[in-house]
PDB file of N, CA and C in Angstrom:
ATOM      1  N   MET A   1       0.850  -1.180   0.000  1.00  0.00           N
ATOM      2  CA  MET A   1       0.000   0.000   0.000  1.00  0.00           C
ATOM      3  C   MET A   1       0.884   1.227   0.000  1.00  0.00           C
ATOM      4  N   THR A   2       0.658   2.107  -0.933  1.00  0.00           N
ATOM      5  CA  THR A   2       1.403   3.357  -0.980  1.00  0.00           C
ATOM      6  C   THR A   2       0.421   4.506  -1.120  1.00  0.00           C
ATOM      7  N   ASP A   3       0.727   5.590  -0.453  1.00  0.00           N
ATOM      8  CA  ASP A   3      -0.052   6.817  -0.557  1.00  0.00           C
ATOM      9  C   ASP A   3       0.851   7.886  -1.142  1.00  0.00           C
ATOM     10  N   ASN A   4       0.263   8.910  -1.685  1.00  0.00           N
ATOM     11  CA  ASN A   4       1.040  10.018  -2.222  1.00  0.00           C
ATOM     12  C   ASN A   4       0.931  11.205  -1.290  1.00  0.00           C
ATOM     13  N   LEU A   5       2.072  11.705  -0.846  1.00  0.00           N
ATOM     14  CA  LEU A   5       2.121  12.896  -0.013  1.00  0.00           C
ATOM     15  C   LEU A   5       2.782  14.011  -0.801  1.00  0.00           C
ATOM     16  N   PRO A   6       2.310  15.231  -0.643  1.00  0.00           N
ATOM     17  CA  PRO A   6       2.930  16.337  -1.365  1.00  0.00           C
ATOM     18  C   PRO A   6       4.321  16.648  -0.826  1.00  0.00           C
ATOM     19  N   VAL A   7       5.217  16.938  -1.732  1.00  0.00           N
ATOM     20  CA  VAL A   7       6.570  17.354  -1.384  1.00  0.00           C
ATOM     21  C   VAL A   7       6.694  18.820  -1.755  1.00  0.00           C
ATOM     22  N   VAL A   8       7.008  19.656  -0.783  1.00  0.00           N
ATOM     23  CA  VAL A   8       7.093  21.088  -1.031  1.00  0.00           C
ATOM     24  C   VAL A   8       8.451  21.395  -1.642  1.00  0.00           C
ATOM     25  N   SER A   9       8.436  22.063  -2.763  1.00  0.00           N
ATOM     26  CA  SER A   9       9.677  22.473  -3.419  1.00  0.00           C
ATOM     27  C   SER A   9       9.564  23.954  -3.757  1.00  0.00           C
ATOM     28  N   GLY A  10      10.453  24.441  -4.595  1.00  0.00           N
ATOM     29  CA  GLY A  10      10.448  25.847  -4.956  1.00  0.00           C
ATOM     30  C   GLY A  10       9.260  26.247  -5.813  1.00  0.00           C
ATOM     31  N   SER A  11       8.622  25.292  -6.470  1.00  0.00           N
ATOM     32  CA  SER A  11       7.486  25.621  -7.327  1.00  0.00           C
ATOM     33  C   SER A  11       6.211  25.770  -6.507  1.00  0.00           C
ATOM     34  N   ARG A  12       5.190  26.309  -7.133  1.00  0.00           N
ATOM     35  CA  ARG A  12       3.921  26.501  -6.438  1.00  0.00           C
ATOM     36  C   ARG A  12       3.127  25.198  -6.338  1.00  0.00           C
ATOM     37  N   VAL A  13       3.305  24.289  -7.269  1.00  0.00           N
ATOM     38  CA  VAL A  13       2.569  23.026  -7.270  1.00  0.00           C
ATOM     39  C   VAL A  13       3.430  21.969  -6.587  1.00  0.00           C
ATOM     40  N   PRO A  14       2.933  21.373  -5.487  1.00  0.00           N
ATOM     41  CA  PRO A  14       3.737  20.357  -4.808  1.00  0.00           C
ATOM     42  C   PRO A  14       3.851  19.093  -5.652  1.00  0.00           C
ATOM     43  N   GLU A  15       5.016  18.474  -5.604  1.00  0.00           N
ATOM     44  CA  GLU A  15       5.243  17.219  -6.309  1.00  0.00           C
ATOM     45  C   GLU A  15       4.648  16.086  -5.489  1.00  0.00           C
ATOM     46  N   GLN A  16       4.306  15.000  -6.141  1.00  0.00           N
ATOM     47  CA  GLN A  16       3.784  13.824  -5.461  1.00  0.00           C
ATOM     48  C   GLN A  16       4.860  12.748  -5.466  1.00  0.00           C
ATOM     49  N   ARG A  17       5.071  12.117  -4.293  1.00  0.00           N
ATOM     50  CA  ARG A  17       6.001  10.997  -4.226  1.00  0.00           C
ATOM     51  C   ARG A  17       5.318   9.875  -3.464  1.00  0.00           C
ATOM     52  N   PRO A  18       5.595   8.635  -3.810  1.00  0.00           N
ATOM     53  CA  PRO A  18       4.939   7.516  -3.126  1.00  0.00           C
ATOM     54  C   PRO A  18       5.426   7.383  -1.687  1.00  0.00           C
ATOM     55  N   LEU A  19       4.530   6.965  -0.802  1.00  0.00           N
ATOM     56  CA  LEU A  19       4.853   6.745   0.602  1.00  0.00           C
ATOM     57  C   LEU A  19       4.530   5.295   0.925  1.00  0.00           C
ATOM     58  N   ALA A  20       5.533   4.534   1.306  1.00  0.00           N
ATOM     59  CA  ALA A  20       5.332   3.131   1.634  1.00  0.00           C
ATOM     60  C   ALA A  20       4.704   3.005   3.018  1.00  0.00           C
ATOM     61  N   LEU A  21       4.040   1.899   3.254  1.00  0.00           N
ATOM     62  CA  LEU A  21       3.392   1.663   4.540  1.00  0.00           C
ATOM     63  C   LEU A  21       4.411   1.658   5.669  1.00  0.00           C
ATOM     64  N   VAL A  22       5.592   1.123   5.422  1.00  0.00           N
ATOM     65  CA  VAL A  22       6.622   1.082   6.466  1.00  0.00           C
ATOM     66  C   VAL A  22       7.081   2.492   6.831  1.00  0.00           C
ATOM     67  N   ASP A  23       7.134   3.399   5.863  1.00  0.00           N
ATOM     68  CA  ASP A  23       7.492   4.792   6.155  1.00  0.00           C
ATOM     69  C   ASP A  23       6.414   5.473   6.996  1.00  0.00           C
ATOM     70  N   LEU A  24       5.165   5.192   6.685  1.00  0.00           N
ATOM     71  CA  LEU A  24       4.061   5.754   7.452  1.00  0.00           C
ATOM     72  C   LEU A  24       4.088   5.244   8.889  1.00  0.00           C
ATOM     73  N   LEU A  25       4.307   3.947   9.080  1.00  0.00           N
ATOM     74  CA  LEU A  25       4.399   3.381  10.429  1.00  0.00           C
ATOM     75  C   LEU A  25       5.578   3.956  11.195  1.00  0.00           C
ATOM     76  N   ASP A  26       6.688   4.189  10.518  1.00  0.00           N
ATOM     77  CA  ASP A  26       7.861   4.772  11.169  1.00  0.00           C
ATOM     78  C   ASP A  26       7.554   6.177  11.675  1.00  0.00           C
ATOM     79  N   ARG A  27       6.845   6.958  10.884  1.00  0.00           N
ATOM     80  CA  ARG A  27       6.467   8.317  11.308  1.00  0.00           C
ATOM     81  C   ARG A  27       5.509   8.284  12.491  1.00  0.00           C
ATOM     82  N   VAL A  28       4.531   7.382  12.437  1.00  0.00           N
ATOM     83  CA  VAL A  28       3.537   7.298  13.512  1.00  0.00           C
ATOM     84  C   VAL A  28       4.187   6.837  14.802  1.00  0.00           C
ATOM     85  N   LEU A  29       4.998   5.783  14.743  1.00  0.00           N
ATOM     86  CA  LEU A  29       5.626   5.261  15.952  1.00  0.00           C
ATOM     87  C   LEU A  29       6.693   6.202  16.483  1.00  0.00           C
ATOM     88  N   GLY A  30       7.332   6.972  15.615  1.00  0.00           N
ATOM     89  CA  GLY A  30       8.347   7.914  16.055  1.00  0.00           C
ATOM     90  C   GLY A  30       7.777   9.028  16.912  1.00  0.00           C
ATOM     91  N   GLY A  31       6.607   9.506  16.585  1.00  0.00           N
ATOM     92  CA  GLY A  31       5.991  10.591  17.342  1.00  0.00           C
ATOM     93  C   GLY A  31       4.886  10.130  18.262  1.00  0.00           C
ATOM     94  N   GLY A  32       4.251   9.049  17.918  1.00  0.00           N
ATOM     95  CA  GLY A  32       3.155   8.521  18.725  1.00  0.00           C
ATOM     96  C   GLY A  32       1.808   8.991  18.211  1.00  0.00           C
ATOM     97  N   VAL A  33       0.797   8.209  18.506  1.00  0.00           N
ATOM     98  CA  VAL A  33      -0.563   8.536  18.103  1.00  0.00           C
ATOM     99  C   VAL A  33      -1.513   8.001  19.171  1.00  0.00           C
ATOM    100  N   VAL A  34      -2.585   8.729  19.406  1.00  0.00           N
ATOM    101  CA  VAL A  34      -3.612   8.304  20.356  1.00  0.00           C
ATOM    102  C   VAL A  34      -4.832   7.859  19.560  1.00  0.00           C
ATOM    103  N   ILE A  35      -5.312   6.660  19.869  1.00  0.00           N
ATOM    104  CA  ILE A  35      -6.510   6.120  19.238  1.00  0.00           C
ATOM    105  C   ILE A  35      -7.605   6.104  20.297  1.00  0.00           C
ATOM    106  N   ALA A  36      -8.732   6.714  19.996  1.00  0.00           N
ATOM    107  CA  ALA A  36      -9.841   6.781  20.958  1.00  0.00           C
ATOM    108  C   ALA A  36     -11.111   6.281  20.292  1.00  0.00           C
ATOM    109  N   GLY A  37     -11.945   5.637  21.096  1.00  0.00           N
ATOM    110  CA  GLY A  37     -13.206   5.130  20.575  1.00  0.00           C
ATOM    111  C   GLY A  37     -14.202   4.915  21.694  1.00  0.00           C
ATOM    112  N   GLU A  38     -15.432   4.722  21.301  1.00  0.00           N
ATOM    113  CA  GLU A  38     -16.494   4.509  22.279  1.00  0.00           C
ATOM    114  C   GLU A  38     -17.478   3.499  21.713  1.00  0.00           C
ATOM    115  N   VAL A  39     -17.889   2.545  22.559  1.00  0.00           N
ATOM    116  CA  VAL A  39     -18.843   1.511  22.168  1.00  0.00           C
ATOM    117  C   VAL A  39     -19.997   1.540  23.158  1.00  0.00           C
ATOM    118  N   THR A  40     -21.211   1.546  22.645  1.00  0.00           N
ATOM    119  CA  THR A  40     -22.398   1.504  23.502  1.00  0.00           C
ATOM    120  C   THR A  40     -23.285   0.349  23.045  1.00  0.00           C
ATOM    121  N   LEU A  41     -23.592  -0.554  23.976  1.00  0.00           N
ATOM    122  CA  LEU A  41     -24.512  -1.656  23.701  1.00  0.00           C
ATOM    123  C   LEU A  41     -25.862  -1.296  24.292  1.00  0.00           C
ATOM    124  N   SER A  42     -26.892  -1.361  23.451  1.00  0.00           N
ATOM    125  CA  SER A  42     -28.223  -1.005  23.941  1.00  0.00           C
ATOM    126  C   SER A  42     -29.234  -2.047  23.483  1.00  0.00           C
ATOM    127  N   LEU A  43     -30.309  -2.138  24.234  1.00  0.00           N
ATOM    128  CA  LEU A  43     -31.395  -3.061  23.925  1.00  0.00           C
ATOM    129  C   LEU A  43     -32.708  -2.304  24.092  1.00  0.00           C
ATOM    130  N   ALA A  44     -33.496  -2.265  23.052  1.00  0.00           N
ATOM    131  CA  ALA A  44     -34.792  -1.576  23.053  1.00  0.00           C
ATOM    132  C   ALA A  44     -34.653  -0.110  23.453  1.00  0.00           C
ATOM    133  N   GLY A  45     -33.596   0.537  22.970  1.00  0.00           N
ATOM    134  CA  GLY A  45     -33.400   1.952  23.243  1.00  0.00           C
ATOM    135  C   GLY A  45     -32.835   2.272  24.608  1.00  0.00           C
ATOM    136  N   VAL A  46     -32.474   1.240  25.379  1.00  0.00           N
ATOM    137  CA  VAL A  46     -31.898   1.448  26.712  1.00  0.00           C
ATOM    138  C   VAL A  46     -30.418   1.081  26.654  1.00  0.00           C
ATOM    139  N   ASP A  47     -29.556   2.037  27.009  1.00  0.00           N
ATOM    140  CA  ASP A  47     -28.115   1.775  27.027  1.00  0.00           C
ATOM    141  C   ASP A  47     -27.779   0.837  28.177  1.00  0.00           C
ATOM    142  N   LEU A  48     -27.189  -0.322  27.856  1.00  0.00           N
ATOM    143  CA  LEU A  48     -26.835  -1.300  28.881  1.00  0.00           C
ATOM    144  C   LEU A  48     -25.368  -1.210  29.268  1.00  0.00           C
ATOM    145  N   VAL A  49     -24.500  -1.119  28.271  1.00  0.00           N
ATOM    146  CA  VAL A  49     -23.055  -1.093  28.518  1.00  0.00           C
ATOM    147  C   VAL A  49     -22.448   0.016  27.677  1.00  0.00           C
ATOM    148  N   ARG A  50     -21.590   0.800  28.301  1.00  0.00           N
ATOM    149  CA  ARG A  50     -20.869   1.857  27.587  1.00  0.00           C
ATOM    150  C   ARG A  50     -19.385   1.695  27.892  1.00  0.00           C
ATOM    151  N   ILE A  51     -18.574   1.577  26.847  1.00  0.00           N
ATOM    152  CA  ILE A  51     -17.134   1.370  27.001  1.00  0.00           C
ATOM    153  C   ILE A  51     -16.407   2.482  26.253  1.00  0.00           C
ATOM    154  N   SER A  52     -15.522   3.174  26.952  1.00  0.00           N
ATOM    155  CA  SER A  52     -14.662   4.183  26.333  1.00  0.00           C
ATOM    156  C   SER A  52     -13.255   3.618  26.266  1.00  0.00           C
ATOM    157  N   LEU A  53     -12.645   3.717  25.103  1.00  0.00           N
ATOM    158  CA  LEU A  53     -11.315   3.161  24.889  1.00  0.00           C
ATOM    159  C   LEU A  53     -10.355   4.258  24.453  1.00  0.00           C
ATOM    160  N   ARG A  54      -9.153   4.226  25.004  1.00  0.00           N
ATOM    161  CA  ARG A  54      -8.072   5.111  24.566  1.00  0.00           C
ATOM    162  C   ARG A  54      -6.794   4.300  24.558  1.00  0.00           C
ATOM    163  N   ALA A  55      -6.020   4.424  23.491  1.00  0.00           N
ATOM    164  CA  ALA A  55      -4.759   3.697  23.388  1.00  0.00           C
ATOM    165  C   ALA A  55      -3.686   4.639  22.852  1.00  0.00           C
ATOM    166  N   LEU A  56      -2.518   4.570  23.452  1.00  0.00           N
ATOM    167  CA  LEU A  56      -1.360   5.321  22.978  1.00  0.00           C
ATOM    168  C   LEU A  56      -0.445   4.346  22.262  1.00  0.00           C
ATOM    169  N   VAL A  57      -0.169   4.618  21.003  1.00  0.00           N
ATOM    170  CA  VAL A  57       0.696   3.763  20.205  1.00  0.00           C
ATOM    171  C   VAL A  57       1.937   4.571  19.855  1.00  0.00           C
ATOM    172  N   ALA A  58       3.089   4.121  20.361  1.00  0.00           N
ATOM    173  CA  ALA A  58       4.354   4.813  20.102  1.00  0.00           C
ATOM    174  C   ALA A  58       5.497   3.847  20.346  1.00  0.00           C
ATOM    175  N   SER A  59       6.661   4.181  19.838  1.00  0.00           N
ATOM    176  CA  SER A  59       7.840   3.373  20.120  1.00  0.00           C
ATOM    177  C   SER A  59       8.313   3.655  21.540  1.00  0.00           C
ATOM    178  N   ALA A  60       9.065   2.733  22.110  1.00  0.00           N
ATOM    179  CA  ALA A  60       9.566   2.911  23.475  1.00  0.00           C
ATOM    180  C   ALA A  60      10.481   4.131  23.562  1.00  0.00           C
ATOM    181  N   GLY A  61      11.244   4.396  22.536  1.00  0.00           N
ATOM    182  CA  GLY A  61      12.130   5.557  22.525  1.00  0.00           C
ATOM    183  C   GLY A  61      11.376   6.873  22.546  1.00  0.00           C
ATOM    184  N   ALA A  62      10.202   6.906  21.941  1.00  0.00           N
ATOM    185  CA  ALA A  62       9.408   8.134  21.934  1.00  0.00           C
ATOM    186  C   ALA A  62       8.799   8.412  23.300  1.00  0.00           C
ATOM    187  N   LEU A  63       8.587   7.377  24.107  1.00  0.00           N
ATOM    188  CA  LEU A  63       7.979   7.550  25.422  1.00  0.00           C
ATOM    189  C   LEU A  63       8.996   7.844  26.513  1.00  0.00           C
ATOM    190  N   GLU A  64      10.265   7.520  26.280  1.00  0.00           N
ATOM    191  CA  GLU A  64      11.308   7.793  27.275  1.00  0.00           C
ATOM    192  C   GLU A  64      11.595   9.280  27.347  1.00  0.00           C
ATOM    193  N   PRO A  65      11.867   9.794  28.538  1.00  0.00           N
ATOM    194  CA  PRO A  65      12.297  11.195  28.614  1.00  0.00           C
ATOM    195  C   PRO A  65      13.687  11.344  27.998  1.00  0.00           C
ATOM    196  N   ASP A  66      13.945  12.508  27.450  1.00  0.00           N
ATOM    197  CA  ASP A  66      15.251  12.768  26.847  1.00  0.00           C
ATOM    198  C   ASP A  66      16.290  12.861  27.953  1.00  0.00           C
ATOM    199  N   ARG A  67      17.189  11.915  28.007  1.00  0.00           N
ATOM    200  CA  ARG A  67      18.173  11.837  29.097  1.00  0.00           C
ATOM    201  C   ARG A  67      19.188  12.980  29.055  1.00  0.00           C
ATOM    202  N   ARG A  68      19.348  13.606  27.904  1.00  0.00           N
ATOM    203  CA  ARG A  68      20.302  14.717  27.820  1.00  0.00           C
ATOM    204  C   ARG A  68      19.779  15.957  28.527  1.00  0.00           C
ATOM    205  N   ARG A  69      18.457  16.118  28.606  1.00  0.00           N
ATOM    206  CA  ARG A  69      17.880  17.304  29.229  1.00  0.00           C
ATOM    207  C   ARG A  69      17.608  17.123  30.716  1.00  0.00           C
ATOM    208  N   VAL A  70      17.668  15.900  31.229  1.00  0.00           N
ATOM    209  CA  VAL A  70      17.358  15.641  32.631  1.00  0.00           C
ATOM    210  C   VAL A  70      18.574  15.972  33.483  1.00  0.00           C
ATOM    211  N   ASN A  71      18.382  16.779  34.535  1.00  0.00           N
ATOM    212  CA  ASN A  71      19.470  17.162  35.431  1.00  0.00           C
ATOM    213  C   ASN A  71      19.371  16.309  36.691  1.00  0.00           C
ATOM    214  N   HIS A  72      20.375  15.468  36.944  1.00  0.00           N
ATOM    215  CA  HIS A  72      20.375  14.554  38.088  1.00  0.00           C
ATOM    216  C   HIS A  72      21.247  15.082  39.219  1.00  0.00           C
ATOM    217  N   THR A  73      21.104  16.323  39.624  1.00  0.00           N
ATOM    218  CA  THR A  73      21.932  16.862  40.714  1.00  0.00           C
ATOM    219  C   THR A  73      21.217  16.829  42.021  1.00  0.00           C
TER     220      THR A  73
END
């Protein structure tokens, strides 16, 4: 699966270049993404169960604090 993302250059019309799925996953995991959703089960117009879901998807390196900026004095 490839998508086309605009590439900004000196011209007014952005060029199109293919984006591989692995490149897209690398960008998402590098910065992280939050996925949120909600599910409601109801019967005869009465809400019985309501579930709210939130998930943070990121690489372990993106979640670690930057050790160069931490002062351990």
